[in-house]
């Protein structure tokens, strides 16, 4: 799966790397990797829509651009999940090098 490749690339980054994360809705944040973990979508395990997945959590260090027509209620210091559930369009290092880009 494409998003597993994203997590593998992020796992090879240093925790001190400043990442710029861009979503399709216009949101752009900068942040550093906080942790990786397994999680689920919050549904009961008996629910047919229940899903477990892996995620990378980013601590926001800067909010570069707010999303179009979407309320973003996070602030600097908050955590944001990167996963198949919240998959960005592109991730760059602070020097502008694109390390991951969503391929449709």
N, C-alpha and C. Protein backbone atom coordinates (compact mmCIF):
# COMPACT_ATOMS: atom_id res chain seq x y z
N UNK A 1 0.84 -1.18 0.00
CA UNK A 1 0.00 0.00 0.00
C UNK A 1 0.88 1.24 0.00
N UNK A 2 0.42 2.28 -0.69
CA UNK A 2 1.21 3.48 -0.85
C UNK A 2 1.49 4.19 0.47
N UNK A 3 0.52 4.21 1.38
CA UNK A 3 0.72 4.93 2.64
C UNK A 3 1.72 4.21 3.53
N UNK A 4 1.88 2.88 3.37
CA UNK A 4 2.91 2.17 4.14
C UNK A 4 4.29 2.64 3.70
N UNK A 5 4.46 2.93 2.41
CA UNK A 5 5.71 3.48 1.92
C UNK A 5 5.97 4.83 2.58
N UNK A 6 4.92 5.65 2.75
CA UNK A 6 5.05 6.94 3.42
C UNK A 6 5.57 6.74 4.85
N UNK A 7 5.00 5.79 5.57
CA UNK A 7 5.43 5.55 6.95
C UNK A 7 6.86 5.03 7.01
N UNK A 8 7.25 4.21 6.05
CA UNK A 8 8.62 3.71 5.99
C UNK A 8 9.60 4.86 5.77
N UNK A 9 9.27 5.77 4.87
CA UNK A 9 10.12 6.94 4.61
C UNK A 9 10.21 7.80 5.86
N UNK A 10 9.07 8.04 6.52
CA UNK A 10 9.08 8.86 7.73
C UNK A 10 9.88 8.19 8.85
N UNK A 11 9.82 6.88 8.92
CA UNK A 11 10.56 6.15 9.94
C UNK A 11 12.07 6.30 9.76
N UNK A 12 12.51 6.59 8.54
CA UNK A 12 13.93 6.79 8.26
C UNK A 12 14.39 8.24 8.48
N UNK A 13 13.45 9.14 8.79
CA UNK A 13 13.80 10.52 9.09
C UNK A 13 14.30 10.63 10.53
N UNK A 14 15.08 11.64 10.79
CA UNK A 14 15.51 11.92 12.16
C UNK A 14 14.38 12.65 12.89
N UNK A 15 14.27 12.43 14.17
CA UNK A 15 13.22 13.11 14.94
C UNK A 15 13.41 14.62 14.96
N UNK A 16 14.61 15.08 14.65
CA UNK A 16 14.86 16.52 14.62
C UNK A 16 14.55 17.15 13.26
N UNK A 17 14.29 16.33 12.24
CA UNK A 17 13.98 16.87 10.91
C UNK A 17 12.67 17.66 10.95
N UNK A 18 12.71 18.88 10.41
CA UNK A 18 11.49 19.67 10.26
C UNK A 18 10.84 19.24 8.95
N UNK A 19 9.61 18.76 9.03
CA UNK A 19 8.88 18.31 7.86
C UNK A 19 7.79 19.32 7.51
N UNK A 20 7.60 19.54 6.22
CA UNK A 20 6.48 20.35 5.74
C UNK A 20 5.48 19.39 5.14
N UNK A 21 4.26 19.40 5.66
CA UNK A 21 3.23 18.45 5.26
C UNK A 21 2.10 19.23 4.60
N UNK A 22 1.74 18.81 3.37
CA UNK A 22 0.70 19.46 2.56
C UNK A 22 -0.46 18.50 2.34
N UNK A 23 -1.67 18.97 2.61
CA UNK A 23 -2.87 18.19 2.32
C UNK A 23 -3.60 18.79 1.13
N UNK A 24 -4.45 18.01 0.51
CA UNK A 24 -5.21 18.44 -0.66
C UNK A 24 -6.20 19.55 -0.38
N UNK A 25 -6.58 19.75 0.87
CA UNK A 25 -7.55 20.80 1.20
C UNK A 25 -6.88 22.16 1.40
N UNK A 26 -5.57 22.24 1.16
CA UNK A 26 -4.84 23.50 1.29
C UNK A 26 -4.06 23.66 2.57
N UNK A 27 -4.29 22.79 3.55
CA UNK A 27 -3.57 22.87 4.82
C UNK A 27 -2.10 22.54 4.62
N UNK A 28 -1.24 23.38 5.17
CA UNK A 28 0.21 23.15 5.16
C UNK A 28 0.71 23.42 6.57
N UNK A 29 1.38 22.42 7.15
CA UNK A 29 1.97 22.58 8.47
C UNK A 29 3.43 22.18 8.42
N UNK A 30 4.18 22.65 9.40
CA UNK A 30 5.54 22.18 9.62
C UNK A 30 5.52 21.48 10.97
N UNK A 31 6.35 20.44 11.08
CA UNK A 31 6.38 19.73 12.34
C UNK A 31 7.51 18.73 12.41
N UNK A 32 7.63 18.12 13.58
CA UNK A 32 8.63 17.09 13.82
C UNK A 32 7.93 15.80 14.22
N UNK A 33 8.58 14.69 13.92
CA UNK A 33 8.00 13.39 14.26
C UNK A 33 7.98 13.22 15.77
N UNK A 34 6.82 12.84 16.28
CA UNK A 34 6.67 12.57 17.70
C UNK A 34 6.77 11.07 17.97
N UNK A 35 5.96 10.28 17.27
CA UNK A 35 5.95 8.84 17.51
C UNK A 35 5.28 8.10 16.36
N UNK A 36 5.43 6.79 16.36
CA UNK A 36 4.73 5.88 15.46
C UNK A 36 3.94 4.92 16.33
N UNK A 37 2.76 4.55 15.89
CA UNK A 37 2.00 3.57 16.67
C UNK A 37 0.92 2.93 15.81
N UNK A 38 0.30 1.93 16.39
CA UNK A 38 -0.85 1.29 15.78
C UNK A 38 -2.08 1.87 16.45
N UNK A 39 -3.14 2.07 15.70
CA UNK A 39 -4.37 2.63 16.24
C UNK A 39 -5.55 2.02 15.51
N UNK A 40 -6.74 2.51 15.82
CA UNK A 40 -7.93 2.07 15.09
C UNK A 40 -8.84 3.28 14.86
N UNK A 41 -9.92 3.04 14.15
CA UNK A 41 -10.80 4.15 13.80
C UNK A 41 -11.88 4.42 14.86
N UNK A 42 -11.73 3.84 16.04
CA UNK A 42 -12.62 4.16 17.14
C UNK A 42 -13.94 3.42 17.17
N UNK A 43 -14.17 2.59 16.17
CA UNK A 43 -15.40 1.81 16.15
C UNK A 43 -15.25 0.53 16.97
N UNK A 44 -16.34 -0.05 17.37
CA UNK A 44 -16.32 -1.32 18.08
C UNK A 44 -15.77 -2.39 17.15
N UNK A 45 -14.99 -3.32 17.71
CA UNK A 45 -14.37 -4.37 16.89
C UNK A 45 -15.39 -5.22 16.15
N UNK A 46 -16.62 -5.32 16.65
CA UNK A 46 -17.65 -6.10 15.99
C UNK A 46 -18.25 -5.37 14.78
N UNK A 47 -18.01 -4.08 14.69
CA UNK A 47 -18.53 -3.29 13.58
C UNK A 47 -17.77 -3.67 12.30
N UNK A 48 -18.48 -3.94 11.20
CA UNK A 48 -17.79 -4.32 9.95
C UNK A 48 -16.89 -3.23 9.39
N UNK A 49 -17.09 -1.98 9.81
CA UNK A 49 -16.24 -0.87 9.34
C UNK A 49 -15.04 -0.62 10.24
N UNK A 50 -14.88 -1.46 11.28
CA UNK A 50 -13.73 -1.33 12.18
C UNK A 50 -12.44 -1.55 11.40
N UNK A 51 -11.43 -0.72 11.68
CA UNK A 51 -10.16 -0.82 10.96
C UNK A 51 -9.01 -0.50 11.91
N UNK A 52 -7.97 -1.31 11.88
CA UNK A 52 -6.72 -1.02 12.56
C UNK A 52 -5.71 -0.57 11.51
N UNK A 53 -4.85 0.36 11.90
CA UNK A 53 -3.84 0.85 10.97
C UNK A 53 -2.68 1.46 11.74
N UNK A 54 -1.58 1.72 11.04
CA UNK A 54 -0.41 2.35 11.63
C UNK A 54 -0.43 3.84 11.30
N UNK A 55 0.19 4.61 12.19
CA UNK A 55 0.24 6.06 11.97
C UNK A 55 1.55 6.63 12.46
N UNK A 56 1.87 7.80 11.95
CA UNK A 56 2.98 8.61 12.43
C UNK A 56 2.35 9.87 13.00
N UNK A 57 2.78 10.26 14.18
CA UNK A 57 2.24 11.47 14.81
C UNK A 57 3.29 12.57 14.69
N UNK A 58 2.84 13.72 14.20
CA UNK A 58 3.70 14.89 13.99
C UNK A 58 3.31 15.96 15.01
N UNK A 59 4.31 16.56 15.66
CA UNK A 59 4.05 17.71 16.52
C UNK A 59 4.16 18.97 15.67
N UNK A 60 3.13 19.78 15.67
CA UNK A 60 3.09 21.00 14.85
C UNK A 60 4.05 22.05 15.41
N UNK A 61 4.96 22.53 14.55
CA UNK A 61 5.86 23.62 14.93
C UNK A 61 5.48 24.93 14.25
N UNK A 62 4.69 24.84 13.16
CA UNK A 62 4.24 26.04 12.45
C UNK A 62 3.03 25.68 11.60
N UNK A 63 2.07 26.58 11.52
CA UNK A 63 0.93 26.42 10.62
C UNK A 63 1.16 27.40 9.48
N UNK A 64 1.57 26.86 8.34
CA UNK A 64 1.97 27.69 7.21
C UNK A 64 0.76 28.24 6.47
N UNK A 65 -0.25 27.38 6.27
CA UNK A 65 -1.43 27.79 5.50
C UNK A 65 -2.63 27.01 6.03
N UNK A 66 -3.72 27.72 6.26
CA UNK A 66 -4.95 27.07 6.72
C UNK A 66 -5.70 26.47 5.54
N UNK A 67 -6.51 25.45 5.78
CA UNK A 67 -7.24 24.78 4.70
C UNK A 67 -8.36 25.64 4.13
N UNK A 68 -8.77 25.30 2.92
CA UNK A 68 -9.88 25.97 2.25
C UNK A 68 -11.18 25.44 2.84
N UNK A 69 -12.07 26.33 3.26
CA UNK A 69 -13.42 25.95 3.71
C UNK A 69 -13.44 24.77 4.68
N UNK A 70 -12.51 24.76 5.62
CA UNK A 70 -12.43 23.66 6.57
C UNK A 70 -11.88 24.21 7.88
N UNK A 71 -12.55 23.90 8.97
CA UNK A 71 -12.11 24.36 10.28
C UNK A 71 -10.93 23.51 10.74
N UNK A 72 -9.83 24.14 11.04
CA UNK A 72 -8.64 23.46 11.57
C UNK A 72 -8.45 23.97 12.99
N UNK A 73 -8.71 23.11 13.95
CA UNK A 73 -8.71 23.54 15.34
C UNK A 73 -7.45 23.13 16.10
N UNK A 74 -6.34 22.99 15.40
CA UNK A 74 -5.06 22.65 16.03
C UNK A 74 -4.21 23.92 16.14
N UNK A 75 -3.25 23.87 17.06
CA UNK A 75 -2.33 24.99 17.24
C UNK A 75 -0.90 24.46 17.35
N UNK A 76 0.06 25.35 17.36
CA UNK A 76 1.45 24.95 17.50
C UNK A 76 1.60 24.16 18.80
N UNK A 77 2.29 23.04 18.70
CA UNK A 77 2.48 22.15 19.85
C UNK A 77 1.51 20.98 19.87
N UNK A 78 0.40 21.09 19.11
CA UNK A 78 -0.56 19.99 19.03
C UNK A 78 -0.01 18.89 18.13
N UNK A 79 -0.64 17.74 18.21
CA UNK A 79 -0.23 16.58 17.43
C UNK A 79 -1.20 16.33 16.30
N UNK A 80 -0.67 15.87 15.15
CA UNK A 80 -1.47 15.54 13.97
C UNK A 80 -1.06 14.16 13.50
N UNK A 81 -2.05 13.36 13.16
CA UNK A 81 -1.82 12.00 12.66
C UNK A 81 -1.59 12.00 11.16
N UNK A 82 -0.57 11.26 10.72
CA UNK A 82 -0.37 10.98 9.31
C UNK A 82 -0.58 9.49 9.14
N UNK A 83 -1.56 9.12 8.30
CA UNK A 83 -1.91 7.71 8.14
C UNK A 83 -2.77 7.57 6.89
N UNK A 84 -3.26 6.36 6.66
CA UNK A 84 -4.18 6.15 5.54
C UNK A 84 -5.49 6.90 5.78
N UNK A 85 -5.80 7.20 7.03
CA UNK A 85 -7.03 7.92 7.36
C UNK A 85 -6.84 9.42 7.19
N UNK A 86 -5.64 9.91 7.38
CA UNK A 86 -5.32 11.34 7.24
C UNK A 86 -4.05 11.47 6.38
N UNK A 87 -4.17 11.01 5.15
CA UNK A 87 -3.02 10.95 4.24
C UNK A 87 -2.78 12.30 3.57
N UNK A 88 -1.59 12.85 3.71
CA UNK A 88 -1.28 14.11 3.04
C UNK A 88 -1.01 13.90 1.55
N UNK A 89 -0.90 15.01 0.84
CA UNK A 89 -0.56 14.95 -0.59
C UNK A 89 0.95 14.92 -0.81
N UNK A 90 1.70 15.63 0.09
CA UNK A 90 3.15 15.72 -0.10
C UNK A 90 3.81 16.01 1.24
N UNK A 91 5.02 15.45 1.40
CA UNK A 91 5.84 15.72 2.58
C UNK A 91 7.23 16.12 2.10
N UNK A 92 7.73 17.23 2.64
CA UNK A 92 9.05 17.75 2.25
C UNK A 92 9.92 17.92 3.49
N UNK A 93 11.23 17.82 3.29
CA UNK A 93 12.17 18.22 4.33
C UNK A 93 12.24 19.74 4.34
N UNK A 94 12.83 20.30 5.38
CA UNK A 94 12.89 21.76 5.51
C UNK A 94 13.68 22.42 4.38
N UNK A 95 14.55 21.67 3.71
CA UNK A 95 15.32 22.22 2.59
C UNK A 95 14.54 22.20 1.27
N UNK A 96 13.27 21.74 1.31
CA UNK A 96 12.44 21.70 0.12
C UNK A 96 12.44 20.38 -0.62
N UNK A 97 13.29 19.44 -0.20
CA UNK A 97 13.34 18.13 -0.86
C UNK A 97 12.06 17.36 -0.57
N UNK A 98 11.37 16.95 -1.63
CA UNK A 98 10.15 16.14 -1.48
C UNK A 98 10.57 14.71 -1.16
N UNK A 99 10.13 14.22 0.01
CA UNK A 99 10.49 12.85 0.40
C UNK A 99 9.35 11.87 0.16
N UNK A 100 8.12 12.39 0.03
CA UNK A 100 6.98 11.53 -0.28
C UNK A 100 5.90 12.37 -0.95
N UNK A 101 5.29 11.78 -1.98
CA UNK A 101 4.18 12.45 -2.67
C UNK A 101 3.15 11.40 -3.03
N UNK A 102 1.90 11.73 -2.77
CA UNK A 102 0.81 10.80 -3.04
C UNK A 102 0.70 10.59 -4.55
N UNK A 103 0.63 9.34 -4.93
CA UNK A 103 0.48 8.98 -6.35
C UNK A 103 -0.92 8.41 -6.54
N UNK A 104 -1.69 9.00 -7.42
CA UNK A 104 -3.05 8.48 -7.68
C UNK A 104 -3.05 7.45 -8.78
